[in-house]
């Protein structure tokens, strides 16, 4: 793997021009030369119709779950999402994993990861979106425990140098990891346990 760090996530988002720098400014400002630009959506337009559409899109960016977020569903094809104009840029990762930015209402909110051309992870460093249970980036881990109760638990990686809050839902998970400069949740990932949880426990392979 697999899992890209919070600072790299922030750098990718900022490099793509999707979000303002809110944390770890020096890391976020670092260029990412292996990011490949993809199709862009045209967000320009005038009139009340365009304004209404933009407002409706913002309202849709609310929920991230183990099924994915919006049109970015776990198992979806990278080729199909790209053909639909929903992929903005791609960056190769380890072991054939490809990370990508998105267009439309979810731009600047999520980063998606593909393995063998299929979506295996959706991650966010912003709030909203929230999980169906109401958990989000920025919350304390104590708040997560209040929300999930026995459904979730704190875990450690195999190296013993990082912790995260894990919620299992069938064969998939919600994984909440820490923030680099303040207490609480800094990043939320969802997807199959075989990818998301395993990546956290074992760490990157390259």
C-alpha atoms as a PDB file:
ATOM      1  CA  UNK A   1       0.000   0.000   0.000  1.00  0.00           C
ATOM      2  CA  UNK A   2      -1.376   1.722   0.257  1.00  0.00           C
ATOM      3  CA  UNK A   3      -2.507   4.482   2.627  1.00  0.00           C
ATOM      4  CA  UNK A   4      -1.279   7.961   1.770  1.00  0.00           C
ATOM      5  CA  UNK A   5      -0.427  10.196   4.690  1.00  0.00           C
ATOM      6  CA  UNK A   6      -2.541  13.120   5.817  1.00  0.00           C
ATOM      7  CA  UNK A   7       0.089  15.622   4.733  1.00  0.00           C
ATOM      8  CA  UNK A   8       0.313  14.053   1.279  1.00  0.00           C
ATOM      9  CA  UNK A   9      -3.472  14.128   1.003  1.00  0.00           C
ATOM     10  CA  UNK A  10      -3.462  17.826   1.851  1.00  0.00           C
ATOM     11  CA  UNK A  11      -0.655  18.470  -0.624  1.00  0.00           C
ATOM     12  CA  UNK A  12      -2.529  16.702  -3.413  1.00  0.00           C
ATOM     13  CA  UNK A  13      -5.707  18.643  -2.760  1.00  0.00           C
ATOM     14  CA  UNK A  14      -3.924  21.973  -2.612  1.00  0.00           C
ATOM     15  CA  UNK A  15      -1.751  21.225  -5.645  1.00  0.00           C
ATOM     16  CA  UNK A  16      -4.899  20.498  -7.623  1.00  0.00           C
ATOM     17  CA  UNK A  17      -6.264  23.867  -6.497  1.00  0.00           C
ATOM     18  CA  UNK A  18      -9.258  22.299  -4.802  1.00  0.00           C
ATOM     19  CA  UNK A  19      -9.015  23.478  -1.210  1.00  0.00           C
ATOM     20  CA  UNK A  20      -7.356  26.302   0.697  1.00  0.00           C
ATOM     21  CA  UNK A  21      -4.411  25.491   2.928  1.00  0.00           C
ATOM     22  CA  UNK A  22      -5.769  24.979   6.425  1.00  0.00           C
ATOM     23  CA  UNK A  23      -3.072  22.852   8.075  1.00  0.00           C
ATOM     24  CA  UNK A  24       0.577  21.951   7.582  1.00  0.00           C
ATOM     25  CA  UNK A  25       1.087  24.759   5.087  1.00  0.00           C
ATOM     26  CA  UNK A  26       4.689  23.916   4.083  1.00  0.00           C
ATOM     27  CA  UNK A  27       3.773  20.308   3.242  1.00  0.00           C
ATOM     28  CA  UNK A  28       0.592  21.343   1.494  1.00  0.00           C
ATOM     29  CA  UNK A  29       2.458  23.782  -0.690  1.00  0.00           C
ATOM     30  CA  UNK A  30       4.913  21.163  -1.965  1.00  0.00           C
ATOM     31  CA  UNK A  31       4.482  20.385  -5.663  1.00  0.00           C
ATOM     32  CA  UNK A  32       3.492  16.911  -6.776  1.00  0.00           C
ATOM     33  CA  UNK A  33       5.180  16.301 -10.138  1.00  0.00           C
ATOM     34  CA  UNK A  34       3.607  12.899 -10.730  1.00  0.00           C
ATOM     35  CA  UNK A  35       0.058  14.239 -10.677  1.00  0.00           C
ATOM     36  CA  UNK A  36      -1.457  13.886 -14.118  1.00  0.00           C
ATOM     37  CA  UNK A  37      -4.187  16.307 -15.108  1.00  0.00           C
ATOM     38  CA  UNK A  38      -7.440  14.834 -16.317  1.00  0.00           C
ATOM     39  CA  UNK A  39     -10.702  16.224 -17.627  1.00  0.00           C
ATOM     40  CA  UNK A  40     -11.998  19.367 -15.969  1.00  0.00           C
ATOM     41  CA  UNK A  41     -15.598  20.305 -15.471  1.00  0.00           C
ATOM     42  CA  UNK A  42     -16.813  23.773 -16.382  1.00  0.00           C
ATOM     43  CA  UNK A  43     -18.242  25.355 -13.266  1.00  0.00           C
ATOM     44  CA  UNK A  44     -18.730  28.715 -14.874  1.00  0.00           C
ATOM     45  CA  UNK A  45     -22.082  29.995 -15.933  1.00  0.00           C
ATOM     46  CA  UNK A  46     -24.526  32.691 -15.109  1.00  0.00           C
ATOM     47  CA  UNK A  47     -28.123  33.068 -14.191  1.00  0.00           C
ATOM     48  CA  UNK A  48     -30.222  31.761 -11.361  1.00  0.00           C
ATOM     49  CA  UNK A  49     -30.271  28.272 -12.894  1.00  0.00           C
ATOM     50  CA  UNK A  50     -26.509  27.873 -12.464  1.00  0.00           C
ATOM     51  CA  UNK A  51     -26.709  29.209  -8.927  1.00  0.00           C
ATOM     52  CA  UNK A  52     -29.512  26.807  -8.038  1.00  0.00           C
ATOM     53  CA  UNK A  53     -27.575  23.866  -9.488  1.00  0.00           C
ATOM     54  CA  UNK A  54     -24.442  24.789  -7.543  1.00  0.00           C
ATOM     55  CA  UNK A  55     -26.445  25.040  -4.317  1.00  0.00           C
ATOM     56  CA  UNK A  56     -28.083  21.677  -4.981  1.00  0.00           C
ATOM     57  CA  UNK A  57     -24.665  20.069  -5.558  1.00  0.00           C
ATOM     58  CA  UNK A  58     -23.339  21.465  -2.283  1.00  0.00           C
ATOM     59  CA  UNK A  59     -26.327  20.010  -0.452  1.00  0.00           C
ATOM     60  CA  UNK A  60     -25.516  16.561  -1.860  1.00  0.00           C
ATOM     61  CA  UNK A  61     -22.028  16.505  -0.337  1.00  0.00           C
ATOM     62  CA  UNK A  62     -23.108  15.232   3.030  1.00  0.00           C
ATOM     63  CA  UNK A  63     -22.601  11.507   3.516  1.00  0.00           C
ATOM     64  CA  UNK A  64     -19.566   9.249   3.170  1.00  0.00           C
ATOM     65  CA  UNK A  65     -20.114   5.589   3.994  1.00  0.00           C
ATOM     66  CA  UNK A  66     -18.565   2.187   3.400  1.00  0.00           C
ATOM     67  CA  UNK A  67     -20.470   2.218   0.116  1.00  0.00           C
ATOM     68  CA  UNK A  68     -18.544   5.304  -1.015  1.00  0.00           C
ATOM     69  CA  UNK A  69     -19.550   8.919  -1.570  1.00  0.00           C
ATOM     70  CA  UNK A  70     -21.932  10.242  -4.200  1.00  0.00           C
ATOM     71  CA  UNK A  71     -21.165   8.627  -7.568  1.00  0.00           C
ATOM     72  CA  UNK A  72     -17.842   7.315  -6.226  1.00  0.00           C
ATOM     73  CA  UNK A  73     -18.965   3.862  -5.148  1.00  0.00           C
ATOM     74  CA  UNK A  74     -16.636   1.169  -3.899  1.00  0.00           C
ATOM     75  CA  UNK A  75     -15.949  -1.167  -6.812  1.00  0.00           C
ATOM     76  CA  UNK A  76     -16.599   1.486  -9.462  1.00  0.00           C
ATOM     77  CA  UNK A  77     -14.376   1.435 -12.549  1.00  0.00           C
ATOM     78  CA  UNK A  78     -11.686   4.102 -12.935  1.00  0.00           C
ATOM     79  CA  UNK A  79     -12.188   3.985 -16.694  1.00  0.00           C
ATOM     80  CA  UNK A  80     -15.925   4.568 -16.388  1.00  0.00           C
ATOM     81  CA  UNK A  81     -15.578   7.403 -13.871  1.00  0.00           C
ATOM     82  CA  UNK A  82     -12.935   9.035 -16.075  1.00  0.00           C
ATOM     83  CA  UNK A  83     -15.125   8.706 -19.168  1.00  0.00           C
ATOM     84  CA  UNK A  84     -17.946  10.407 -17.247  1.00  0.00           C
ATOM     85  CA  UNK A  85     -15.655  13.365 -16.507  1.00  0.00           C
ATOM     86  CA  UNK A  86     -15.615  12.671 -12.773  1.00  0.00           C
ATOM     87  CA  UNK A  87     -11.846  12.232 -12.398  1.00  0.00           C
ATOM     88  CA  UNK A  88      -9.696  15.369 -12.310  1.00  0.00           C
ATOM     89  CA  UNK A  89      -6.136  14.066 -11.864  1.00  0.00           C
ATOM     90  CA  UNK A  90      -4.391  10.784 -11.096  1.00  0.00           C
ATOM     91  CA  UNK A  91      -1.203   9.963  -9.191  1.00  0.00           C
ATOM     92  CA  UNK A  92       0.372   6.488  -9.152  1.00  0.00           C
ATOM     93  CA  UNK A  93       0.965   4.899  -5.760  1.00  0.00           C
ATOM     94  CA  UNK A  94       2.452   1.618  -4.571  1.00  0.00           C
ATOM     95  CA  UNK A  95       1.629  -1.867  -5.834  1.00  0.00           C
ATOM     96  CA  UNK A  96      -0.475  -0.704  -8.742  1.00  0.00           C
ATOM     97  CA  UNK A  97      -2.662   1.575  -6.622  1.00  0.00           C
ATOM     98  CA  UNK A  98      -3.744   4.836  -8.250  1.00  0.00           C
ATOM     99  CA  UNK A  99      -4.909   7.866  -6.250  1.00  0.00           C
ATOM    100  CA  UNK A 100      -7.190  10.391  -7.909  1.00  0.00           C
ATOM    101  CA  UNK A 101      -8.913  13.714  -7.403  1.00  0.00           C
ATOM    102  CA  UNK A 102     -12.499  14.228  -8.447  1.00  0.00           C
ATOM    103  CA  UNK A 103     -14.631  16.832 -10.160  1.00  0.00           C
ATOM    104  CA  UNK A 104     -18.109  18.166  -9.495  1.00  0.00           C
ATOM    105  CA  UNK A 105     -19.703  18.624  -6.098  1.00  0.00           C
ATOM    106  CA  UNK A 106     -17.160  16.361  -4.385  1.00  0.00           C
ATOM    107  CA  UNK A 107     -14.094  18.198  -5.692  1.00  0.00           C
ATOM    108  CA  UNK A 108     -11.881  19.268  -2.798  1.00  0.00           C
ATOM    109  CA  UNK A 109     -13.788  17.020  -0.405  1.00  0.00           C
ATOM    110  CA  UNK A 110     -12.467  13.551  -1.198  1.00  0.00           C
ATOM    111  CA  UNK A 111      -9.551  11.630  -2.669  1.00  0.00           C
ATOM    112  CA  UNK A 112     -10.272   8.225  -4.191  1.00  0.00           C
ATOM    113  CA  UNK A 113      -7.963   5.241  -4.628  1.00  0.00           C
ATOM    114  CA  UNK A 114      -8.130   2.443  -7.173  1.00  0.00           C
ATOM    115  CA  UNK A 115      -6.513  -0.978  -7.304  1.00  0.00           C
ATOM    116  CA  UNK A 116      -6.600  -2.981 -10.519  1.00  0.00           C
ATOM    117  CA  UNK A 117      -8.840  -0.270 -11.947  1.00  0.00           C
ATOM    118  CA  UNK A 118     -11.518  -0.539  -9.252  1.00  0.00           C
ATOM    119  CA  UNK A 119     -12.350   1.933  -6.486  1.00  0.00           C
ATOM    120  CA  UNK A 120     -11.163   0.576  -3.134  1.00  0.00           C
ATOM    121  CA  UNK A 121     -11.040   3.654  -0.912  1.00  0.00           C
ATOM    122  CA  UNK A 122     -12.637   7.044  -0.459  1.00  0.00           C
ATOM    123  CA  UNK A 123     -10.932   9.426   1.949  1.00  0.00           C
ATOM    124  CA  UNK A 124     -11.686  12.898   3.266  1.00  0.00           C
ATOM    125  CA  UNK A 125      -9.907  15.529   5.344  1.00  0.00           C
ATOM    126  CA  UNK A 126     -12.919  17.850   5.500  1.00  0.00           C
ATOM    127  CA  UNK A 127     -16.286  18.095   7.236  1.00  0.00           C
ATOM    128  CA  UNK A 128     -18.774  17.644   5.762  1.00  0.00           C
ATOM    129  CA  UNK A 129     -19.104  14.906   4.676  1.00  0.00           C
ATOM    130  CA  UNK A 130     -20.177  12.858   7.668  1.00  0.00           C
ATOM    131  CA  UNK A 131     -20.767   9.164   8.116  1.00  0.00           C
ATOM    132  CA  UNK A 132     -24.358   7.876   8.355  1.00  0.00           C
ATOM    133  CA  UNK A 133     -23.868   7.820  12.142  1.00  0.00           C
ATOM    134  CA  UNK A 134     -22.857  11.495  12.158  1.00  0.00           C
ATOM    135  CA  UNK A 135     -19.092  11.175  12.666  1.00  0.00           C
ATOM    136  CA  UNK A 136     -16.721  13.511  10.839  1.00  0.00           C
ATOM    137  CA  UNK A 137     -13.219  14.912  10.590  1.00  0.00           C
ATOM    138  CA  UNK A 138     -12.526  17.387  13.388  1.00  0.00           C
ATOM    139  CA  UNK A 139     -14.241  15.366  16.113  1.00  0.00           C
ATOM    140  CA  UNK A 140     -12.406  13.995  19.132  1.00  0.00           C
ATOM    141  CA  UNK A 141     -11.899  10.262  19.468  1.00  0.00           C
ATOM    142  CA  UNK A 142     -13.980  10.404  22.643  1.00  0.00           C
ATOM    143  CA  UNK A 143     -16.864  11.767  20.570  1.00  0.00           C
ATOM    144  CA  UNK A 144     -16.498   8.840  18.177  1.00  0.00           C
ATOM    145  CA  UNK A 145     -16.744   6.422  21.080  1.00  0.00           C
ATOM    146  CA  UNK A 146     -19.954   8.105  22.187  1.00  0.00           C
ATOM    147  CA  UNK A 147     -21.402   7.839  18.679  1.00  0.00           C
ATOM    148  CA  UNK A 148     -20.424   4.247  17.919  1.00  0.00           C
ATOM    149  CA  UNK A 149     -20.242   2.583  21.327  1.00  0.00           C
ATOM    150  CA  UNK A 150     -19.388  -1.132  20.996  1.00  0.00           C
ATOM    151  CA  UNK A 151     -19.490  -0.936  17.203  1.00  0.00           C
ATOM    152  CA  UNK A 152     -16.086   0.787  17.079  1.00  0.00           C
ATOM    153  CA  UNK A 153     -12.737   0.549  18.841  1.00  0.00           C
ATOM    154  CA  UNK A 154      -9.276   2.096  18.951  1.00  0.00           C
ATOM    155  CA  UNK A 155      -6.603   0.035  17.189  1.00  0.00           C
ATOM    156  CA  UNK A 156      -2.822   0.244  16.780  1.00  0.00           C
ATOM    157  CA  UNK A 157      -0.768  -0.388  13.687  1.00  0.00           C
ATOM    158  CA  UNK A 158       1.659  -3.303  13.571  1.00  0.00           C
ATOM    159  CA  UNK A 159       4.629  -1.016  14.270  1.00  0.00           C
ATOM    160  CA  UNK A 160       2.905   0.279  17.396  1.00  0.00           C
ATOM    161  CA  UNK A 161       3.550   3.911  16.509  1.00  0.00           C
ATOM    162  CA  UNK A 162       0.097   4.999  15.327  1.00  0.00           C
ATOM    163  CA  UNK A 163      -3.480   4.580  16.490  1.00  0.00           C
ATOM    164  CA  UNK A 164      -6.844   4.924  14.795  1.00  0.00           C
ATOM    165  CA  UNK A 165     -10.521   4.429  15.476  1.00  0.00           C
ATOM    166  CA  UNK A 166     -12.040   1.564  13.483  1.00  0.00           C
ATOM    167  CA  UNK A 167     -15.680   0.770  12.769  1.00  0.00           C
ATOM    168  CA  UNK A 168     -16.438  -2.523  11.023  1.00  0.00           C
ATOM    169  CA  UNK A 169     -19.492  -2.811   8.815  1.00  0.00           C
ATOM    170  CA  UNK A 170     -19.524  -6.254   7.259  1.00  0.00           C
ATOM    171  CA  UNK A 171     -16.366  -6.684   5.196  1.00  0.00           C
ATOM    172  CA  UNK A 172     -15.830  -2.914   5.011  1.00  0.00           C
ATOM    173  CA  UNK A 173     -14.616  -0.303   7.491  1.00  0.00           C
ATOM    174  CA  UNK A 174     -14.619   3.323   8.470  1.00  0.00           C
ATOM    175  CA  UNK A 175     -11.144   4.307   9.676  1.00  0.00           C
ATOM    176  CA  UNK A 176     -10.509   7.571  11.539  1.00  0.00           C
ATOM    177  CA  UNK A 177      -6.882   8.617  11.887  1.00  0.00           C
ATOM    178  CA  UNK A 178      -5.299  11.538  13.711  1.00  0.00           C
ATOM    179  CA  UNK A 179      -4.456  15.078  12.692  1.00  0.00           C
ATOM    180  CA  UNK A 180      -0.765  16.046  12.306  1.00  0.00           C
ATOM    181  CA  UNK A 181      -0.918  19.226  14.405  1.00  0.00           C
ATOM    182  CA  UNK A 182      -3.942  19.056  16.694  1.00  0.00           C
ATOM    183  CA  UNK A 183      -5.844  16.444  18.720  1.00  0.00           C
ATOM    184  CA  UNK A 184      -8.743  14.601  17.154  1.00  0.00           C
ATOM    185  CA  UNK A 185      -9.639  13.133  13.800  1.00  0.00           C
ATOM    186  CA  UNK A 186      -7.745  14.474  10.793  1.00  0.00           C
ATOM    187  CA  UNK A 187      -8.651  11.955   8.116  1.00  0.00           C
ATOM    188  CA  UNK A 188     -11.477   9.495   7.429  1.00  0.00           C
ATOM    189  CA  UNK A 189     -11.161   6.554   5.046  1.00  0.00           C
ATOM    190  CA  UNK A 190     -13.827   4.088   3.973  1.00  0.00           C
ATOM    191  CA  UNK A 191     -13.613   0.906   1.949  1.00  0.00           C
ATOM    192  CA  UNK A 192     -12.893  -2.826   2.185  1.00  0.00           C
ATOM    193  CA  UNK A 193     -11.085  -3.905   5.353  1.00  0.00           C
ATOM    194  CA  UNK A 194      -8.671  -5.856   3.154  1.00  0.00           C
ATOM    195  CA  UNK A 195      -7.432  -2.554   1.756  1.00  0.00           C
ATOM    196  CA  UNK A 196      -8.156   0.242   4.253  1.00  0.00           C
ATOM    197  CA  UNK A 197      -7.549  -1.540   7.554  1.00  0.00           C
ATOM    198  CA  UNK A 198      -4.722  -3.669   6.223  1.00  0.00           C
ATOM    199  CA  UNK A 199      -3.020  -0.589   4.825  1.00  0.00           C
ATOM    200  CA  UNK A 200      -3.140   1.157   8.194  1.00  0.00           C
ATOM    201  CA  UNK A 201      -1.916  -1.856  10.148  1.00  0.00           C
ATOM    202  CA  UNK A 202       0.921  -2.801   7.816  1.00  0.00           C
ATOM    203  CA  UNK A 203       1.902   0.641   6.549  1.00  0.00           C
ATOM    204  CA  UNK A 204       3.178   1.573   3.092  1.00  0.00           C
ATOM    205  CA  UNK A 205       5.116  -1.006   1.099  1.00  0.00           C
ATOM    206  CA  UNK A 206       7.130   1.530  -0.905  1.00  0.00           C
END
